[in-house]
Amino acid sequence: MARFALGELLLVSCMLLFLVLLGIVAILVLARFVFGWGMRTCPHCAEHIQKDAVICRYCGRDVSPAASSAAAIPQSGEADSDD
């Protein structure tokens, strides 16, 4: 049975860890584009833009904020009252 030096085992372990982490990052990046996490479609040019974008980076036209971010920002006349 072959014996491995500590340095060789450490090198192989680091390489395997790097490959696993690279795979996880690749899956997360692909999931963002495949499932559209944090993205939405521009109503004018149909390109994918950030969910909170107010101007499309592709066509330059104004786009309304996403419903979730618009609901989080209170309008000037909608102050909460404690009555």
Protein backbone atom coordinates (compact mmCIF):
# COMPACT_ATOMS: atom_id res chain seq x y z
CA MET A 1 0.00 0.00 0.00
CA ALA A 2 1.37 3.38 -0.97
CA ARG A 3 2.02 5.96 1.70
CA PHE A 4 1.40 9.61 1.03
CA ALA A 5 3.33 12.44 2.54
CA LEU A 6 1.45 15.01 4.57
CA GLY A 7 2.14 17.67 1.95
CA GLU A 8 0.58 15.57 -0.81
CA LEU A 9 -2.55 14.91 1.24
CA LEU A 10 -2.86 18.58 2.07
CA LEU A 11 -2.49 19.54 -1.58
CA VAL A 12 -5.11 17.03 -2.72
CA SER A 13 -7.48 18.14 0.06
CA CYS A 14 -7.12 21.79 -0.93
CA MET A 15 -7.74 20.97 -4.57
CA LEU A 16 -10.88 19.00 -3.73
CA LEU A 17 -12.15 21.80 -1.49
CA PHE A 18 -11.55 24.31 -4.27
CA LEU A 19 -13.47 22.18 -6.76
CA VAL A 20 -16.40 21.76 -4.38
CA LEU A 21 -16.56 25.50 -3.69
CA LEU A 22 -16.28 26.26 -7.40
CA GLY A 23 -19.19 23.91 -8.06
CA ILE A 24 -21.33 25.59 -5.41
CA VAL A 25 -20.61 29.04 -6.85
CA ALA A 26 -21.39 27.82 -10.37
CA ILE A 27 -24.72 26.38 -9.22
CA LEU A 28 -25.68 29.63 -7.48
CA VAL A 29 -24.76 31.74 -10.50
CA LEU A 30 -26.68 29.48 -12.87
CA ALA A 31 -29.67 29.42 -10.53
CA ARG A 32 -29.80 33.21 -10.59
CA PHE A 33 -30.09 33.24 -14.37
CA VAL A 34 -32.24 30.14 -14.77
CA PHE A 35 -34.73 30.97 -12.03
CA GLY A 36 -34.40 34.74 -12.32
CA TRP A 37 -33.62 35.35 -8.65
CA GLY A 38 -33.37 39.10 -8.16
CA MET A 39 -34.22 39.78 -11.78
CA ARG A 40 -37.26 40.80 -13.80
CA THR A 41 -38.03 41.50 -17.44
CA CYS A 42 -38.06 44.99 -18.94
CA PRO A 43 -41.56 45.67 -20.29
CA HIS A 44 -40.11 47.58 -23.27
CA CYS A 45 -37.23 45.44 -24.58
CA ALA A 46 -37.81 42.13 -22.71
CA GLU A 47 -34.23 41.98 -21.38
CA HIS A 48 -33.50 40.76 -17.85
CA ILE A 49 -32.82 43.64 -15.45
CA GLN A 50 -32.36 43.96 -11.70
CA LYS A 51 -35.56 43.68 -9.69
CA ASP A 52 -35.18 47.17 -8.19
CA ALA A 53 -34.13 48.92 -11.42
CA VAL A 54 -35.91 52.14 -12.39
CA ILE A 55 -34.13 52.53 -15.75
CA CYS A 56 -33.44 49.62 -18.10
CA ARG A 57 -29.71 49.29 -18.74
CA TYR A 58 -30.34 47.94 -22.24
CA CYS A 59 -32.93 50.28 -23.76
CA GLY A 60 -32.53 53.21 -21.34
CA ARG A 61 -36.26 53.62 -20.78
CA ASP A 62 -37.89 54.20 -17.42
CA VAL A 63 -39.40 51.12 -15.81
CA SER A 64 -41.58 51.14 -12.76
CA PRO A 65 -40.04 49.56 -9.66
CA ALA A 66 -41.00 45.99 -8.87
CA ALA A 67 -44.18 45.57 -6.83
CA SER A 68 -42.33 44.24 -3.78
CA SER A 69 -39.95 47.19 -3.58
CA ALA A 70 -42.70 49.71 -4.35
CA ALA A 71 -44.81 48.33 -1.51
CA ALA A 72 -41.91 48.73 0.90
CA ILE A 73 -41.59 52.47 0.18
CA PRO A 74 -44.46 54.43 1.78
CA GLN A 75 -45.96 57.24 -0.26
CA SER A 76 -45.91 60.79 1.14
CA GLY A 77 -49.63 60.76 2.01
CA GLU A 78 -49.62 57.28 3.53
CA ALA A 79 -48.09 58.01 6.92
CA ASP A 80 -49.11 55.58 9.64
CA SER A 81 -51.39 57.07 12.24
CA ASP A 82 -51.78 55.74 15.76
CA ASP A 83 -55.45 56.77 16.09
